[in-house]
Amino acid sequence: MAQEEKFSDSPQENLRIENELMRIKLQAQFGDAFQMGTSNELTPEMENQFLKNILAFEESYQQGDFITVYECIGKPVYKAVETMTAAELNNATNKLLGLLKEKNVQLDFSDGPYDDATIFKFITEELFNEEVAKERVEGMINGFIYEEFHPNHKVAIERLAHKFLGSFFTRDFEPDPFVLSDDIITFEGQQMKRDELLKKLQLFFDAFKNFADDGYNIGSINFELQPEQGRGMGFAEGMLKYEAAIDNGETIHYEGPYKLYMQMEDNYWSVFYFVVPGFKW
């Protein structure tokens, strides 16, 4: 900080004030898109560098100074998938992934595994055309997720069903409350918010000491998309069972078919209604 910008004779106090001014600047520039309180986990020095990195990134973004991912990693020469052996393709794919990592371009896969040909073609035919900031900001990563380009809705619905049933049997939806939709709508036309349903579920769970001997299968998954609206509807169904223990030491055996009704918005699936043995709406 320049001499004329000092507010105090204490370096730590000056750093604290500088951090506060940068937070105010970011909030003024980007409004609700920037939310950061004072963190006790970061030292003033770490917070200062973090805020400077964000400012540099945002200013570069606002200036619109971008290059393609292909340019970012040095325009490597590569062959067509069809011209390589399996071993060559594996080496070429790993080399590209390594180059991306070196330049802080992170490619993640939520589902999979995918074969080398799928990954290689995606990188060279699609990811290479994506844009990133020209100026590299220390500590910043340009993250891309394969499934945001090629959603695997069947796997997403299956994963959501496992999450829902796992939360149900452990009697706790708090670790991942977004398994449930914001707006719950039953077939009877009943409507409620997620928080209201969470309270209703908790009342049901509190009636028992614990659930045990649980199990389930996913018998079928179905979905229908409305691509032009970015929406979709689907369900997962199967059979489940569990033993619910009550205070007097007795248990109630629940067993039968279940069905989870799901909706998709912006490629994100959530449960908006369900039928599970034992639970009554």
C-alpha atoms as a PDB file:
ATOM      1  CA  MET A   1       0.000   0.000   0.000  1.00  0.00           C
ATOM      2  CA  ALA A   2       1.456   3.426  -0.929  1.00  0.00           C
ATOM      3  CA  GLN A   3       2.493   5.800   1.877  1.00  0.00           C
ATOM      4  CA  GLU A   4      -0.349   8.254   1.214  1.00  0.00           C
ATOM      5  CA  GLU A   5      -2.896   5.406   1.413  1.00  0.00           C
ATOM      6  CA  LYS A   6      -1.943   4.344   4.919  1.00  0.00           C
ATOM      7  CA  PHE A   7      -4.643   4.711   7.547  1.00  0.00           C
ATOM      8  CA  SER A   8      -2.643   3.514  10.520  1.00  0.00           C
ATOM      9  CA  ASP A   9       0.905   2.988  11.722  1.00  0.00           C
ATOM     10  CA  SER A  10       0.021  -0.662  12.262  1.00  0.00           C
ATOM     11  CA  PRO A  11       0.697  -2.864   9.185  1.00  0.00           C
ATOM     12  CA  GLN A  12      -1.963  -5.356  10.345  1.00  0.00           C
ATOM     13  CA  GLU A  13      -4.554  -2.617  10.747  1.00  0.00           C
ATOM     14  CA  ASN A  14      -3.723  -1.252   7.292  1.00  0.00           C
ATOM     15  CA  LEU A  15      -4.123  -4.747   5.858  1.00  0.00           C
ATOM     16  CA  ARG A  16      -7.482  -5.162   7.579  1.00  0.00           C
ATOM     17  CA  ILE A  17      -8.685  -1.815   6.190  1.00  0.00           C
ATOM     18  CA  GLU A  18      -7.401  -2.657   2.705  1.00  0.00           C
ATOM     19  CA  ASN A  19      -9.283  -5.974   2.810  1.00  0.00           C
ATOM     20  CA  GLU A  20     -12.455  -4.237   3.896  1.00  0.00           C
ATOM     21  CA  LEU A  21     -12.160  -1.683   1.078  1.00  0.00           C
ATOM     22  CA  MET A  22     -11.673  -4.459  -1.489  1.00  0.00           C
ATOM     23  CA  ARG A  23     -14.767  -6.269  -0.179  1.00  0.00           C
ATOM     24  CA  ILE A  24     -16.749  -3.031  -0.486  1.00  0.00           C
ATOM     25  CA  LYS A  25     -15.446  -2.507  -4.029  1.00  0.00           C
ATOM     26  CA  LEU A  26     -16.404  -6.028  -5.081  1.00  0.00           C
ATOM     27  CA  GLN A  27     -19.833  -5.686  -3.498  1.00  0.00           C
ATOM     28  CA  ALA A  28     -20.383  -2.342  -5.269  1.00  0.00           C
ATOM     29  CA  GLN A  29     -19.260  -3.738  -8.631  1.00  0.00           C
ATOM     30  CA  PHE A  30     -20.984  -7.086  -8.562  1.00  0.00           C
ATOM     31  CA  GLY A  31     -23.771  -6.716  -5.997  1.00  0.00           C
ATOM     32  CA  ASP A  32     -25.350  -9.903  -4.713  1.00  0.00           C
ATOM     33  CA  ALA A  33     -23.129 -11.940  -7.042  1.00  0.00           C
ATOM     34  CA  PHE A  34     -20.342 -11.296  -4.552  1.00  0.00           C
ATOM     35  CA  GLN A  35     -20.966 -12.412  -0.985  1.00  0.00           C
ATOM     36  CA  MET A  36     -18.116 -12.729   1.501  1.00  0.00           C
ATOM     37  CA  GLY A  37     -17.966 -12.002   5.197  1.00  0.00           C
ATOM     38  CA  THR A  38     -14.879 -11.722   7.333  1.00  0.00           C
ATOM     39  CA  SER A  39     -13.507 -15.235   7.693  1.00  0.00           C
ATOM     40  CA  ASN A  40     -11.768 -16.352  10.866  1.00  0.00           C
ATOM     41  CA  GLU A  41     -10.240 -19.225   8.904  1.00  0.00           C
ATOM     42  CA  LEU A  42      -8.156 -16.910   6.710  1.00  0.00           C
ATOM     43  CA  THR A  43      -5.275 -14.829   7.978  1.00  0.00           C
ATOM     44  CA  PRO A  44      -5.427 -11.156   6.876  1.00  0.00           C
ATOM     45  CA  GLU A  45      -2.541 -11.870   4.502  1.00  0.00           C
ATOM     46  CA  MET A  46      -4.324 -14.853   2.912  1.00  0.00           C
ATOM     47  CA  GLU A  47      -7.586 -12.938   2.646  1.00  0.00           C
ATOM     48  CA  ASN A  48      -5.742 -10.008   1.043  1.00  0.00           C
ATOM     49  CA  GLN A  49      -4.266 -12.225  -1.676  1.00  0.00           C
ATOM     50  CA  PHE A  50      -7.596 -13.980  -2.197  1.00  0.00           C
ATOM     51  CA  LEU A  51      -9.439 -10.681  -2.677  1.00  0.00           C
ATOM     52  CA  LYS A  52      -6.761  -9.387  -5.050  1.00  0.00           C
ATOM     53  CA  ASN A  53      -7.093 -12.563  -7.126  1.00  0.00           C
ATOM     54  CA  ILE A  54     -10.868 -12.133  -7.311  1.00  0.00           C
ATOM     55  CA  LEU A  55     -10.511  -8.490  -8.353  1.00  0.00           C
ATOM     56  CA  ALA A  56      -7.989  -9.391 -11.048  1.00  0.00           C
ATOM     57  CA  PHE A  57     -10.225 -12.172 -12.341  1.00  0.00           C
ATOM     58  CA  GLU A  58     -13.391 -10.062 -12.352  1.00  0.00           C
ATOM     59  CA  GLU A  59     -11.671  -7.108 -14.028  1.00  0.00           C
ATOM     60  CA  SER A  60     -10.250  -9.390 -16.706  1.00  0.00           C
ATOM     61  CA  TYR A  61     -13.710 -10.915 -17.174  1.00  0.00           C
ATOM     62  CA  GLN A  62     -15.375  -7.513 -17.451  1.00  0.00           C
ATOM     63  CA  GLN A  63     -12.840  -6.397 -20.059  1.00  0.00           C
ATOM     64  CA  GLY A  64     -13.802  -9.396 -22.156  1.00  0.00           C
ATOM     65  CA  ASP A  65     -10.179 -10.434 -22.722  1.00  0.00           C
ATOM     66  CA  PHE A  66     -10.595 -14.135 -23.478  1.00  0.00           C
ATOM     67  CA  ILE A  67      -8.856 -16.918 -25.345  1.00  0.00           C
ATOM     68  CA  THR A  68      -9.995 -20.423 -26.176  1.00  0.00           C
ATOM     69  CA  VAL A  69      -8.991 -23.366 -24.022  1.00  0.00           C
ATOM     70  CA  TYR A  70      -7.019 -24.604 -27.046  1.00  0.00           C
ATOM     71  CA  GLU A  71      -5.007 -21.377 -27.101  1.00  0.00           C
ATOM     72  CA  CYS A  72      -4.652 -21.458 -23.319  1.00  0.00           C
ATOM     73  CA  ILE A  73      -2.851 -24.815 -23.343  1.00  0.00           C
ATOM     74  CA  GLY A  74      -0.540 -23.859 -26.212  1.00  0.00           C
ATOM     75  CA  LYS A  75      -2.373 -25.197 -29.276  1.00  0.00           C
ATOM     76  CA  PRO A  76      -1.018 -28.758 -29.032  1.00  0.00           C
ATOM     77  CA  VAL A  77      -0.892 -30.874 -32.161  1.00  0.00           C
ATOM     78  CA  TYR A  78      -3.099 -33.930 -31.983  1.00  0.00           C
ATOM     79  CA  LYS A  79      -4.319 -36.761 -34.200  1.00  0.00           C
ATOM     80  CA  ALA A  80      -7.847 -37.873 -34.985  1.00  0.00           C
ATOM     81  CA  VAL A  81      -9.171 -40.630 -32.753  1.00  0.00           C
ATOM     82  CA  GLU A  82      -9.646 -42.947 -35.713  1.00  0.00           C
ATOM     83  CA  THR A  83      -5.940 -42.845 -36.605  1.00  0.00           C
ATOM     84  CA  MET A  84      -4.635 -43.969 -33.189  1.00  0.00           C
ATOM     85  CA  THR A  85      -4.263 -47.346 -31.549  1.00  0.00           C
ATOM     86  CA  ALA A  86      -5.840 -47.905 -28.135  1.00  0.00           C
ATOM     87  CA  ALA A  87      -2.472 -47.360 -26.423  1.00  0.00           C
ATOM     88  CA  GLU A  88      -1.790 -44.172 -28.412  1.00  0.00           C
ATOM     89  CA  LEU A  89      -5.251 -42.864 -27.636  1.00  0.00           C
ATOM     90  CA  ASN A  90      -4.795 -43.511 -23.924  1.00  0.00           C
ATOM     91  CA  ASN A  91      -1.450 -41.679 -23.920  1.00  0.00           C
ATOM     92  CA  ALA A  92      -2.862 -38.780 -25.962  1.00  0.00           C
ATOM     93  CA  THR A  93      -5.873 -38.432 -23.648  1.00  0.00           C
ATOM     94  CA  ASN A  94      -3.718 -38.409 -20.515  1.00  0.00           C
ATOM     95  CA  LYS A  95      -1.388 -35.866 -22.133  1.00  0.00           C
ATOM     96  CA  LEU A  96      -4.280 -33.507 -22.875  1.00  0.00           C
ATOM     97  CA  LEU A  97      -5.645 -33.889 -19.335  1.00  0.00           C
ATOM     98  CA  GLY A  98      -2.176 -33.091 -18.022  1.00  0.00           C
ATOM     99  CA  LEU A  99      -1.896 -29.963 -20.185  1.00  0.00           C
ATOM    100  CA  LEU A 100      -5.299 -28.770 -18.984  1.00  0.00           C
ATOM    101  CA  LYS A 101      -4.283 -29.257 -15.358  1.00  0.00           C
ATOM    102  CA  GLU A 102      -0.999 -27.386 -15.876  1.00  0.00           C
ATOM    103  CA  LYS A 103      -2.945 -24.359 -17.123  1.00  0.00           C
ATOM    104  CA  ASN A 104      -5.512 -24.523 -14.291  1.00  0.00           C
ATOM    105  CA  VAL A 105      -8.280 -25.821 -16.533  1.00  0.00           C
ATOM    106  CA  GLN A 106     -10.096 -28.512 -14.576  1.00  0.00           C
ATOM    107  CA  LEU A 107     -12.310 -31.060 -16.299  1.00  0.00           C
ATOM    108  CA  ASP A 108     -14.527 -33.090 -13.960  1.00  0.00           C
ATOM    109  CA  PHE A 109     -16.781 -36.065 -14.592  1.00  0.00           C
ATOM    110  CA  SER A 110     -19.797 -36.576 -12.322  1.00  0.00           C
ATOM    111  CA  ASP A 111     -20.778 -39.874 -13.890  1.00  0.00           C
ATOM    112  CA  GLY A 112     -18.821 -42.295 -15.999  1.00  0.00           C
ATOM    113  CA  PRO A 113     -16.409 -43.873 -16.300  1.00  0.00           C
ATOM    114  CA  TYR A 114     -16.035 -42.805 -19.926  1.00  0.00           C
ATOM    115  CA  ASP A 115     -13.720 -44.384 -22.454  1.00  0.00           C
ATOM    116  CA  ASP A 116     -10.683 -42.582 -23.854  1.00  0.00           C
ATOM    117  CA  ALA A 117     -12.346 -41.914 -27.207  1.00  0.00           C
ATOM    118  CA  THR A 118     -15.280 -40.112 -25.553  1.00  0.00           C
ATOM    119  CA  ILE A 119     -13.008 -37.972 -23.380  1.00  0.00           C
ATOM    120  CA  PHE A 120     -10.560 -37.187 -26.197  1.00  0.00           C
ATOM    121  CA  LYS A 121     -13.299 -36.205 -28.638  1.00  0.00           C
ATOM    122  CA  PHE A 122     -14.992 -34.037 -26.030  1.00  0.00           C
ATOM    123  CA  ILE A 123     -11.781 -32.168 -25.262  1.00  0.00           C
ATOM    124  CA  THR A 124     -10.731 -31.634 -28.874  1.00  0.00           C
ATOM    125  CA  GLU A 125     -14.143 -31.047 -30.438  1.00  0.00           C
ATOM    126  CA  GLU A 126     -15.927 -29.113 -27.675  1.00  0.00           C
ATOM    127  CA  LEU A 127     -13.805 -28.068 -24.709  1.00  0.00           C
ATOM    128  CA  PHE A 128     -11.094 -26.582 -26.940  1.00  0.00           C
ATOM    129  CA  ASN A 129     -13.673 -24.058 -28.201  1.00  0.00           C
ATOM    130  CA  GLU A 130     -14.663 -22.835 -24.724  1.00  0.00           C
ATOM    131  CA  GLU A 131     -13.249 -19.502 -23.584  1.00  0.00           C
ATOM    132  CA  VAL A 132     -11.251 -18.630 -20.480  1.00  0.00           C
ATOM    133  CA  ALA A 133      -9.695 -15.373 -19.276  1.00  0.00           C
ATOM    134  CA  LYS A 134      -6.498 -14.535 -21.158  1.00  0.00           C
ATOM    135  CA  GLU A 135      -4.676 -13.363 -18.057  1.00  0.00           C
ATOM    136  CA  ARG A 136      -4.047 -16.217 -15.669  1.00  0.00           C
ATOM    137  CA  VAL A 137      -4.914 -15.340 -12.070  1.00  0.00           C
ATOM    138  CA  GLU A 138      -2.897 -17.196  -9.453  1.00  0.00           C
ATOM    139  CA  GLY A 139      -5.039 -19.642  -7.499  1.00  0.00           C
ATOM    140  CA  MET A 140      -8.006 -19.430  -9.884  1.00  0.00           C
ATOM    141  CA  ILE A 141      -9.218 -22.550 -11.680  1.00  0.00           C
ATOM    142  CA  ASN A 142     -11.370 -22.656 -14.815  1.00  0.00           C
ATOM    143  CA  GLY A 143     -13.705 -25.537 -14.073  1.00  0.00           C
ATOM    144  CA  PHE A 144     -15.764 -27.516 -16.586  1.00  0.00           C
ATOM    145  CA  ILE A 145     -18.036 -30.507 -15.970  1.00  0.00           C
ATOM    146  CA  TYR A 146     -18.571 -32.994 -18.790  1.00  0.00           C
ATOM    147  CA  GLU A 147     -22.183 -33.673 -17.803  1.00  0.00           C
ATOM    148  CA  GLU A 148     -23.089 -29.995 -18.167  1.00  0.00           C
ATOM    149  CA  PHE A 149     -22.427 -30.489 -21.878  1.00  0.00           C
ATOM    150  CA  HIS A 150     -23.783 -34.050 -22.070  1.00  0.00           C
ATOM    151  CA  PRO A 151     -26.217 -34.678 -19.209  1.00  0.00           C
ATOM    152  CA  ASN A 152     -26.758 -38.309 -18.245  1.00  0.00           C
ATOM    153  CA  HIS A 153     -30.292 -38.026 -16.920  1.00  0.00           C
ATOM    154  CA  LYS A 154     -30.736 -41.718 -16.152  1.00  0.00           C
ATOM    155  CA  VAL A 155     -27.646 -41.757 -13.955  1.00  0.00           C
ATOM    156  CA  ALA A 156     -28.641 -38.431 -12.344  1.00  0.00           C
ATOM    157  CA  ILE A 157     -32.085 -39.820 -11.442  1.00  0.00           C
ATOM    158  CA  GLU A 158     -30.550 -43.031 -10.112  1.00  0.00           C
ATOM    159  CA  ARG A 159     -28.060 -41.064  -8.006  1.00  0.00           C
ATOM    160  CA  LEU A 160     -30.870 -38.865  -6.655  1.00  0.00           C
ATOM    161  CA  ALA A 161     -32.932 -41.936  -5.740  1.00  0.00           C
ATOM    162  CA  HIS A 162     -30.002 -43.335  -3.747  1.00  0.00           C
ATOM    163  CA  LYS A 163     -29.572 -39.992  -1.972  1.00  0.00           C
ATOM    164  CA  PHE A 164     -33.269 -39.730  -1.123  1.00  0.00           C
ATOM    165  CA  LEU A 165     -33.555 -43.284   0.197  1.00  0.00           C
ATOM    166  CA  GLY A 166     -30.280 -42.962   2.089  1.00  0.00           C
ATOM    167  CA  SER A 167     -31.571 -39.810   3.788  1.00  0.00           C
ATOM    168  CA  PHE A 168     -34.908 -41.493   4.518  1.00  0.00           C
ATOM    169  CA  PHE A 169     -33.383 -44.569   6.160  1.00  0.00           C
ATOM    170  CA  THR A 170     -30.934 -42.493   8.223  1.00  0.00           C
ATOM    171  CA  ARG A 171     -33.883 -40.214   9.068  1.00  0.00           C
ATOM    172  CA  ASP A 172     -31.908 -37.122   8.186  1.00  0.00           C
ATOM    173  CA  PHE A 173     -32.316 -34.919   5.099  1.00  0.00           C
ATOM    174  CA  GLU A 174     -30.252 -32.061   6.542  1.00  0.00           C
ATOM    175  CA  PRO A 175     -26.852 -33.059   5.062  1.00  0.00           C
ATOM    176  CA  ASP A 176     -28.325 -32.687   1.579  1.00  0.00           C
ATOM    177  CA  PRO A 177     -31.674 -30.844   1.828  1.00  0.00           C
ATOM    178  CA  PHE A 178     -31.691 -30.035  -1.901  1.00  0.00           C
ATOM    179  CA  VAL A 179     -32.626 -33.624  -2.686  1.00  0.00           C
ATOM    180  CA  LEU A 180     -36.135 -32.209  -2.318  1.00  0.00           C
ATOM    181  CA  SER A 181     -37.581 -29.556  -4.617  1.00  0.00           C
ATOM    182  CA  ASP A 182     -38.240 -26.033  -3.371  1.00  0.00           C
ATOM    183  CA  ASP A 183     -41.923 -26.534  -4.159  1.00  0.00           C
ATOM    184  CA  ILE A 184     -43.614 -29.815  -3.309  1.00  0.00           C
ATOM    185  CA  ILE A 185     -46.753 -30.639  -5.262  1.00  0.00           C
ATOM    186  CA  THR A 186     -48.711 -33.820  -4.574  1.00  0.00           C
ATOM    187  CA  PHE A 187     -51.120 -35.593  -6.876  1.00  0.00           C
ATOM    188  CA  GLU A 188     -53.970 -34.359  -4.678  1.00  0.00           C
ATOM    189  CA  GLY A 189     -53.021 -30.776  -5.474  1.00  0.00           C
ATOM    190  CA  GLN A 190     -51.514 -30.171  -2.054  1.00  0.00           C
ATOM    191  CA  GLN A 191     -48.660 -27.662  -2.195  1.00  0.00           C
ATOM    192  CA  MET A 192     -45.958 -26.916   0.325  1.00  0.00           C
ATOM    193  CA  LYS A 193     -42.443 -25.564   0.551  1.00  0.00           C
ATOM    194  CA  ARG A 194     -39.413 -27.770   1.116  1.00  0.00           C
ATOM    195  CA  ASP A 195     -39.006 -26.536   4.714  1.00  0.00           C
ATOM    196  CA  GLU A 196     -42.586 -27.502   5.492  1.00  0.00           C
ATOM    197  CA  LEU A 197     -42.036 -30.997   4.132  1.00  0.00           C
ATOM    198  CA  LEU A 198     -38.787 -31.343   6.098  1.00  0.00           C
ATOM    199  CA  LYS A 199     -40.736 -30.567   9.279  1.00  0.00           C
ATOM    200  CA  LYS A 200     -43.404 -33.113   8.312  1.00  0.00           C
ATOM    201  CA  LEU A 201     -40.737 -35.740   7.683  1.00  0.00           C
ATOM    202  CA  GLN A 202     -39.050 -34.956  11.004  1.00  0.00           C
ATOM    203  CA  LEU A 203     -42.320 -35.496  12.856  1.00  0.00           C
ATOM    204  CA  PHE A 204     -42.586 -38.894  11.175  1.00  0.00           C
ATOM    205  CA  PHE A 205     -38.973 -39.776  12.051  1.00  0.00           C
ATOM    206  CA  ASP A 206     -39.388 -38.624  15.657  1.00  0.00           C
ATOM    207  CA  ALA A 207     -42.166 -41.171  16.140  1.00  0.00           C
ATOM    208  CA  PHE A 208     -39.525 -43.926  16.029  1.00  0.00           C
ATOM    209  CA  LYS A 209     -36.299 -44.657  17.869  1.00  0.00           C
ATOM    210  CA  ASN A 210     -34.550 -45.836  14.737  1.00  0.00           C
ATOM    211  CA  PHE A 211     -34.889 -47.638  11.430  1.00  0.00           C
ATOM    212  CA  ALA A 212     -33.115 -50.952  10.909  1.00  0.00           C
ATOM    213  CA  ASP A 213     -32.867 -53.853   8.481  1.00  0.00           C
ATOM    214  CA  ASP A 214     -33.559 -51.537   5.566  1.00  0.00           C
ATOM    215  CA  GLY A 215     -33.121 -52.386   1.934  1.00  0.00           C
ATOM    216  CA  TYR A 216     -34.353 -51.396  -1.492  1.00  0.00           C
ATOM    217  CA  ASN A 217     -33.906 -51.853  -5.206  1.00  0.00           C
ATOM    218  CA  ILE A 218     -34.425 -49.506  -8.114  1.00  0.00           C
ATOM    219  CA  GLY A 219     -36.683 -51.428 -10.443  1.00  0.00           C
ATOM    220  CA  SER A 220     -37.187 -48.830 -13.151  1.00  0.00           C
ATOM    221  CA  ILE A 221     -36.342 -45.270 -14.115  1.00  0.00           C
ATOM    222  CA  ASN A 222     -38.200 -43.162 -16.639  1.00  0.00           C
ATOM    223  CA  PHE A 223     -38.069 -39.531 -17.706  1.00  0.00           C
ATOM    224  CA  GLU A 224     -39.335 -37.142 -20.345  1.00  0.00           C
ATOM    225  CA  LEU A 225     -37.561 -33.929 -21.309  1.00  0.00           C
ATOM    226  CA  GLN A 226     -38.731 -30.557 -22.580  1.00  0.00           C
ATOM    227  CA  PRO A 227     -35.411 -29.289 -23.983  1.00  0.00           C
ATOM    228  CA  GLU A 228     -36.807 -26.014 -25.284  1.00  0.00           C
ATOM    229  CA  GLN A 229     -37.884 -25.122 -21.750  1.00  0.00           C
ATOM    230  CA  GLY A 230     -34.903 -26.646 -19.967  1.00  0.00           C
ATOM    231  CA  ARG A 231     -37.254 -28.832 -17.951  1.00  0.00           C
ATOM    232  CA  GLY A 232     -38.059 -32.472 -17.467  1.00  0.00           C
ATOM    233  CA  MET A 233     -40.165 -34.907 -15.459  1.00  0.00           C
ATOM    234  CA  GLY A 234     -39.191 -38.361 -14.303  1.00  0.00           C
ATOM    235  CA  PHE A 235     -39.448 -41.029 -11.646  1.00  0.00           C
ATOM    236  CA  ALA A 236     -37.650 -43.914 -10.002  1.00  0.00           C
ATOM    237  CA  GLU A 237     -39.523 -46.815  -8.470  1.00  0.00           C
ATOM    238  CA  GLY A 238     -38.927 -50.167  -6.858  1.00  0.00           C
ATOM    239  CA  MET A 239     -39.431 -52.109  -3.646  1.00  0.00           C
ATOM    240  CA  LEU A 240     -38.173 -51.300  -0.151  1.00  0.00           C
ATOM    241  CA  LYS A 241     -38.382 -52.555   3.402  1.00  0.00           C
ATOM    242  CA  TYR A 242     -37.358 -51.406   6.877  1.00  0.00           C
ATOM    243  CA  GLU A 243     -38.011 -52.059  10.546  1.00  0.00           C
ATOM    244  CA  ALA A 244     -39.130 -49.017  12.555  1.00  0.00           C
ATOM    245  CA  ALA A 245     -38.488 -49.321  16.318  1.00  0.00           C
ATOM    246  CA  ILE A 246     -40.839 -47.582  18.752  1.00  0.00           C
ATOM    247  CA  ASP A 247     -40.241 -46.635  22.408  1.00  0.00           C
ATOM    248  CA  ASN A 248     -41.790 -49.755  23.950  1.00  0.00           C
ATOM    249  CA  GLY A 249     -39.245 -51.946  22.216  1.00  0.00           C
ATOM    250  CA  GLU A 250     -41.576 -53.181  19.511  1.00  0.00           C
ATOM    251  CA  THR A 251     -40.897 -52.764  15.817  1.00  0.00           C
ATOM    252  CA  ILE A 252     -43.171 -52.099  12.881  1.00  0.00           C
ATOM    253  CA  HIS A 253     -42.291 -53.797   9.638  1.00  0.00           C
ATOM    254  CA  TYR A 254     -42.794 -51.685   6.526  1.00  0.00           C
ATOM    255  CA  GLU A 255     -42.441 -53.212   3.091  1.00  0.00           C
ATOM    256  CA  GLY A 256     -43.812 -52.470  -0.360  1.00  0.00           C
ATOM    257  CA  PRO A 257     -43.442 -50.459  -3.532  1.00  0.00           C
ATOM    258  CA  TYR A 258     -42.128 -46.916  -3.497  1.00  0.00           C
ATOM    259  CA  LYS A 259     -42.069 -44.239  -6.173  1.00  0.00           C
ATOM    260  CA  LEU A 260     -40.094 -40.985  -6.312  1.00  0.00           C
ATOM    261  CA  TYR A 261     -41.426 -38.282  -8.631  1.00  0.00           C
ATOM    262  CA  MET A 262     -38.777 -35.875  -9.876  1.00  0.00           C
ATOM    263  CA  GLN A 263     -38.512 -32.681 -11.857  1.00  0.00           C
ATOM    264  CA  MET A 264     -35.582 -31.138 -13.668  1.00  0.00           C
ATOM    265  CA  GLU A 265     -34.692 -27.468 -14.031  1.00  0.00           C
ATOM    266  CA  ASP A 266     -31.378 -26.350 -15.552  1.00  0.00           C
ATOM    267  CA  ASN A 267     -30.182 -29.976 -15.667  1.00  0.00           C
ATOM    268  CA  TYR A 268     -30.736 -30.311 -11.905  1.00  0.00           C
ATOM    269  CA  TRP A 269     -33.085 -33.054 -10.695  1.00  0.00           C
ATOM    270  CA  SER A 270     -34.992 -32.979  -7.398  1.00  0.00           C
ATOM    271  CA  VAL A 271     -37.834 -34.948  -5.786  1.00  0.00           C
ATOM    272  CA  PHE A 272     -41.148 -33.066  -5.672  1.00  0.00           C
ATOM    273  CA  TYR A 273     -43.409 -35.898  -4.459  1.00  0.00           C
ATOM    274  CA  PHE A 274     -42.974 -39.468  -3.263  1.00  0.00           C
ATOM    275  CA  VAL A 275     -44.819 -42.542  -2.102  1.00  0.00           C
ATOM    276  CA  VAL A 276     -42.938 -44.535   0.551  1.00  0.00           C
ATOM    277  CA  PRO A 277     -44.392 -47.279   2.792  1.00  0.00           C
ATOM    278  CA  GLY A 278     -45.072 -45.921   6.272  1.00  0.00           C
ATOM    279  CA  PHE A 279     -45.049 -42.222   5.436  1.00  0.00           C
ATOM    280  CA  LYS A 280     -48.425 -40.542   5.093  1.00  0.00           C
ATOM    281  CA  TRP A 281     -48.997 -37.098   3.618  1.00  0.00           C
END
